[in-house]
């Protein structure tokens, strides 16, 4: 898992909105894109970054591409964040 790629992907508000849209289930690229006022190449760029970070899956059905959340990676991300918080809390408790 590339946590750097995940955090880079999550740093952009457009990509966070795409993930929020996909929270309701699989959507076509067109269904997602119609909720944004940016060009198709820009949408494709955002989809590619999210795929590289393994935050979403893509599947082709004819000429349509459908995207869905990769929930396994989100579970891994939560584990990383909780580990970071746990380490921070432990260090703070040691210094008290």
N, C-alpha and C. Protein backbone atom coordinates (compact mmCIF):
# COMPACT_ATOMS: atom_id res chain seq x y z
N UNK A 1 0.84 -1.17 0.00
CA UNK A 1 0.00 0.00 0.00
C UNK A 1 0.89 1.23 0.00
N UNK A 2 0.63 2.17 -0.91
CA UNK A 2 1.40 3.39 -0.98
C UNK A 2 0.71 4.51 -0.22
N UNK A 3 1.04 4.64 1.06
CA UNK A 3 0.35 5.66 1.86
C UNK A 3 0.63 7.06 1.34
N UNK A 4 1.82 7.30 0.79
CA UNK A 4 2.11 8.62 0.23
C UNK A 4 1.15 8.92 -0.92
N UNK A 5 0.91 7.94 -1.78
CA UNK A 5 -0.03 8.13 -2.89
C UNK A 5 -1.45 8.36 -2.37
N UNK A 6 -1.83 7.64 -1.33
CA UNK A 6 -3.16 7.81 -0.77
C UNK A 6 -3.34 9.22 -0.21
N UNK A 7 -2.36 9.69 0.55
CA UNK A 7 -2.48 11.02 1.13
C UNK A 7 -2.45 12.10 0.05
N UNK A 8 -1.65 11.89 -1.01
CA UNK A 8 -1.64 12.82 -2.14
C UNK A 8 -3.02 12.86 -2.79
N UNK A 9 -3.60 11.69 -3.00
CA UNK A 9 -4.93 11.62 -3.62
C UNK A 9 -5.97 12.31 -2.77
N UNK A 10 -5.89 12.12 -1.47
CA UNK A 10 -6.89 12.70 -0.55
C UNK A 10 -6.70 14.19 -0.32
N UNK A 11 -5.54 14.73 -0.71
CA UNK A 11 -5.25 16.14 -0.48
C UNK A 11 -6.07 17.06 -1.38
N UNK A 12 -6.60 16.53 -2.47
CA UNK A 12 -7.31 17.36 -3.43
C UNK A 12 -8.82 17.33 -3.19
N UNK A 13 -9.49 18.48 -3.09
CA UNK A 13 -10.92 18.49 -2.81
C UNK A 13 -11.77 17.83 -3.91
N UNK A 14 -11.34 17.93 -5.16
CA UNK A 14 -12.09 17.28 -6.24
C UNK A 14 -12.08 15.77 -6.06
N UNK A 15 -10.91 15.23 -5.73
CA UNK A 15 -10.82 13.78 -5.54
C UNK A 15 -11.60 13.33 -4.31
N UNK A 16 -11.58 14.14 -3.26
CA UNK A 16 -12.40 13.79 -2.08
C UNK A 16 -13.88 13.78 -2.43
N UNK A 17 -14.31 14.72 -3.27
CA UNK A 17 -15.71 14.75 -3.69
C UNK A 17 -16.04 13.51 -4.54
N UNK A 18 -15.13 13.10 -5.41
CA UNK A 18 -15.35 11.88 -6.20
C UNK A 18 -15.54 10.69 -5.26
N UNK A 19 -14.70 10.59 -4.24
CA UNK A 19 -14.83 9.48 -3.28
C UNK A 19 -16.15 9.56 -2.55
N UNK A 20 -16.57 10.76 -2.21
CA UNK A 20 -17.86 10.94 -1.52
C UNK A 20 -19.01 10.49 -2.42
N UNK A 21 -18.94 10.83 -3.69
CA UNK A 21 -19.96 10.41 -4.65
C UNK A 21 -20.00 8.89 -4.75
N UNK A 22 -18.84 8.26 -4.75
CA UNK A 22 -18.77 6.81 -4.87
C UNK A 22 -19.17 6.09 -3.59
N UNK A 23 -19.30 6.82 -2.51
CA UNK A 23 -19.73 6.22 -1.26
C UNK A 23 -21.12 5.59 -1.39
N UNK A 24 -21.92 6.11 -2.31
CA UNK A 24 -23.27 5.57 -2.55
C UNK A 24 -23.25 4.34 -3.45
N UNK A 25 -22.10 3.96 -3.97
CA UNK A 25 -22.00 2.80 -4.84
C UNK A 25 -21.37 3.15 -6.18
N UNK A 26 -21.20 2.13 -6.98
CA UNK A 26 -20.55 2.25 -8.29
C UNK A 26 -21.27 3.27 -9.18
N UNK A 27 -20.48 4.06 -9.90
CA UNK A 27 -21.02 5.06 -10.82
C UNK A 27 -20.17 5.05 -12.10
N UNK A 28 -20.80 5.44 -13.20
CA UNK A 28 -20.05 5.58 -14.45
C UNK A 28 -19.24 6.87 -14.40
N UNK A 29 -18.23 6.94 -15.25
CA UNK A 29 -17.42 8.16 -15.31
C UNK A 29 -18.29 9.35 -15.66
N UNK A 30 -19.27 9.16 -16.55
CA UNK A 30 -20.17 10.24 -16.93
C UNK A 30 -21.04 10.71 -15.78
N UNK A 31 -21.56 9.77 -14.99
CA UNK A 31 -22.38 10.13 -13.84
C UNK A 31 -21.58 10.97 -12.84
N UNK A 32 -20.33 10.62 -12.67
CA UNK A 32 -19.48 11.38 -11.74
C UNK A 32 -19.14 12.74 -12.34
N UNK A 33 -18.73 12.74 -13.61
CA UNK A 33 -18.27 13.97 -14.27
C UNK A 33 -19.35 15.03 -14.34
N UNK A 34 -20.61 14.63 -14.45
CA UNK A 34 -21.67 15.63 -14.57
C UNK A 34 -21.86 16.44 -13.28
N UNK A 35 -21.23 16.03 -12.22
CA UNK A 35 -21.32 16.77 -10.95
C UNK A 35 -20.18 17.79 -10.79
N UNK A 36 -19.35 17.90 -11.84
CA UNK A 36 -18.21 18.82 -11.82
C UNK A 36 -18.26 19.71 -13.06
N UNK A 37 -17.67 20.86 -12.96
CA UNK A 37 -17.57 21.75 -14.13
C UNK A 37 -16.11 21.85 -14.58
N UNK A 38 -15.51 20.68 -14.82
CA UNK A 38 -14.13 20.64 -15.31
C UNK A 38 -14.09 19.76 -16.56
N UNK A 39 -13.01 19.86 -17.31
CA UNK A 39 -12.89 19.15 -18.58
C UNK A 39 -12.75 17.64 -18.38
N UNK A 40 -13.06 16.91 -19.43
CA UNK A 40 -12.93 15.45 -19.39
C UNK A 40 -11.48 15.02 -19.12
N UNK A 41 -10.48 15.66 -19.75
CA UNK A 41 -9.10 15.28 -19.42
C UNK A 41 -8.75 15.50 -17.94
N UNK A 42 -9.30 16.57 -17.35
CA UNK A 42 -9.04 16.82 -15.92
C UNK A 42 -9.69 15.74 -15.06
N UNK A 43 -10.92 15.34 -15.41
CA UNK A 43 -11.59 14.26 -14.68
C UNK A 43 -10.77 12.98 -14.79
N UNK A 44 -10.30 12.69 -15.99
CA UNK A 44 -9.49 11.49 -16.21
C UNK A 44 -8.24 11.51 -15.34
N UNK A 45 -7.63 12.68 -15.23
CA UNK A 45 -6.43 12.83 -14.39
C UNK A 45 -6.76 12.49 -12.93
N UNK A 46 -7.88 13.00 -12.43
CA UNK A 46 -8.28 12.71 -11.05
C UNK A 46 -8.57 11.22 -10.86
N UNK A 47 -9.27 10.62 -11.83
CA UNK A 47 -9.54 9.18 -11.75
C UNK A 47 -8.23 8.39 -11.71
N UNK A 48 -7.26 8.79 -12.54
CA UNK A 48 -5.99 8.07 -12.58
C UNK A 48 -5.23 8.16 -11.26
N UNK A 49 -5.23 9.32 -10.64
CA UNK A 49 -4.55 9.46 -9.35
C UNK A 49 -5.23 8.59 -8.29
N UNK A 50 -6.56 8.57 -8.29
CA UNK A 50 -7.29 7.73 -7.33
C UNK A 50 -7.03 6.25 -7.59
N UNK A 51 -6.92 5.85 -8.86
CA UNK A 51 -6.61 4.45 -9.18
C UNK A 51 -5.18 4.10 -8.76
N UNK A 52 -4.23 5.00 -9.02
CA UNK A 52 -2.84 4.74 -8.62
C UNK A 52 -2.72 4.57 -7.12
N UNK A 53 -3.53 5.28 -6.37
CA UNK A 53 -3.53 5.17 -4.91
C UNK A 53 -4.36 3.98 -4.43
N UNK A 54 -4.94 3.24 -5.36
CA UNK A 54 -5.79 2.09 -5.06
C UNK A 54 -7.03 2.45 -4.26
N UNK A 55 -7.46 3.69 -4.34
CA UNK A 55 -8.65 4.10 -3.61
C UNK A 55 -9.93 3.76 -4.36
N UNK A 56 -9.81 3.57 -5.69
CA UNK A 56 -10.98 3.19 -6.48
C UNK A 56 -10.62 2.07 -7.45
N UNK A 57 -11.65 1.34 -7.86
CA UNK A 57 -11.55 0.33 -8.91
C UNK A 57 -12.19 0.89 -10.16
N UNK A 58 -11.74 0.44 -11.30
CA UNK A 58 -12.39 0.78 -12.56
C UNK A 58 -12.69 -0.50 -13.31
N UNK A 59 -13.87 -0.53 -13.93
CA UNK A 59 -14.20 -1.66 -14.81
C UNK A 59 -14.88 -1.11 -16.04
N UNK A 60 -14.59 -1.75 -17.15
CA UNK A 60 -15.14 -1.32 -18.43
C UNK A 60 -16.31 -2.22 -18.78
N UNK A 61 -17.40 -1.59 -19.25
CA UNK A 61 -18.56 -2.32 -19.76
C UNK A 61 -18.91 -1.65 -21.09
N UNK A 62 -18.46 -2.26 -22.18
CA UNK A 62 -18.62 -1.63 -23.49
C UNK A 62 -17.78 -0.37 -23.55
N UNK A 63 -18.43 0.75 -23.86
CA UNK A 63 -17.69 2.01 -23.92
C UNK A 63 -17.71 2.77 -22.59
N UNK A 64 -18.44 2.27 -21.63
CA UNK A 64 -18.54 2.92 -20.32
C UNK A 64 -17.46 2.41 -19.37
N UNK A 65 -16.96 3.31 -18.55
CA UNK A 65 -16.07 2.93 -17.45
C UNK A 65 -16.82 3.23 -16.16
N UNK A 66 -16.85 2.23 -15.28
CA UNK A 66 -17.51 2.37 -13.99
C UNK A 66 -16.46 2.37 -12.89
N UNK A 67 -16.68 3.22 -11.90
CA UNK A 67 -15.77 3.33 -10.78
C UNK A 67 -16.48 2.96 -9.48
N UNK A 68 -15.71 2.37 -8.57
CA UNK A 68 -16.22 2.01 -7.24
C UNK A 68 -15.10 2.18 -6.23
N UNK A 69 -15.49 2.38 -4.98
CA UNK A 69 -14.50 2.50 -3.90
C UNK A 69 -13.81 1.18 -3.65
N UNK A 70 -12.55 1.23 -3.33
CA UNK A 70 -11.80 0.07 -2.88
C UNK A 70 -11.81 0.11 -1.35
N UNK A 71 -12.81 -0.50 -0.75
CA UNK A 71 -12.99 -0.39 0.69
C UNK A 71 -11.85 -1.03 1.48
N UNK A 72 -11.18 -2.01 0.91
CA UNK A 72 -10.05 -2.65 1.60
C UNK A 72 -8.95 -1.63 1.87
N UNK A 73 -8.66 -0.78 0.90
CA UNK A 73 -7.62 0.23 1.07
C UNK A 73 -8.05 1.26 2.10
N UNK A 74 -9.33 1.60 2.14
CA UNK A 74 -9.80 2.54 3.15
C UNK A 74 -9.63 1.95 4.55
N UNK A 75 -9.86 0.66 4.69
CA UNK A 75 -9.65 0.01 5.98
C UNK A 75 -8.17 0.08 6.36
N UNK A 76 -7.29 -0.13 5.39
CA UNK A 76 -5.85 -0.03 5.64
C UNK A 76 -5.47 1.40 6.03
N UNK A 77 -6.07 2.38 5.35
CA UNK A 77 -5.78 3.77 5.65
C UNK A 77 -6.21 4.13 7.08
N UNK A 78 -7.37 3.65 7.49
CA UNK A 78 -7.84 3.89 8.85
C UNK A 78 -6.86 3.29 9.85
N UNK A 79 -6.35 2.10 9.55
CA UNK A 79 -5.37 1.45 10.42
C UNK A 79 -4.11 2.30 10.54
N UNK A 80 -3.62 2.85 9.44
CA UNK A 80 -2.43 3.70 9.46
C UNK A 80 -2.68 4.93 10.31
N UNK A 81 -3.83 5.57 10.11
CA UNK A 81 -4.14 6.78 10.88
C UNK A 81 -4.27 6.45 12.37
N UNK A 82 -4.92 5.35 12.70
CA UNK A 82 -5.05 4.98 14.11
C UNK A 82 -3.70 4.65 14.72
N UNK A 83 -2.83 4.00 13.95
CA UNK A 83 -1.47 3.73 14.44
C UNK A 83 -0.72 5.03 14.72
N UNK A 84 -0.86 6.00 13.82
CA UNK A 84 -0.21 7.30 14.02
C UNK A 84 -0.75 7.99 15.27
N UNK A 85 -2.05 7.95 15.43
CA UNK A 85 -2.65 8.57 16.62
C UNK A 85 -2.23 7.85 17.89
N UNK A 86 -2.19 6.52 17.82
CA UNK A 86 -1.78 5.74 18.99
C UNK A 86 -0.35 6.04 19.39
N UNK A 87 0.54 6.17 18.41
CA UNK A 87 1.94 6.49 18.70
C UNK A 87 2.04 7.88 19.30
N UNK A 88 1.26 8.81 18.78
CA UNK A 88 1.28 10.18 19.30
C UNK A 88 0.78 10.22 20.75
N UNK A 89 -0.27 9.50 21.02
CA UNK A 89 -0.83 9.46 22.38
C UNK A 89 0.16 8.80 23.34
N UNK A 90 0.80 7.71 22.91
CA UNK A 90 1.78 7.02 23.76
C UNK A 90 2.95 7.94 24.10
N UNK A 91 3.45 8.67 23.11
CA UNK A 91 4.56 9.58 23.35
C UNK A 91 4.14 10.70 24.31
N UNK A 92 2.93 11.17 24.18
CA UNK A 92 2.46 12.24 25.05
C UNK A 92 2.30 11.73 26.48
N UNK A 93 1.81 10.51 26.63
CA UNK A 93 1.65 9.92 27.97
C UNK A 93 3.00 9.70 28.64
N UNK A 94 4.02 9.32 27.86
CA UNK A 94 5.36 9.11 28.40
C UNK A 94 5.97 10.41 28.92
N UNK A 95 5.65 11.52 28.26
CA UNK A 95 6.26 12.79 28.65
C UNK A 95 5.55 13.44 29.83
N UNK A 96 4.41 12.92 30.22
CA UNK A 96 3.67 13.51 31.36
C UNK A 96 4.17 13.00 32.68
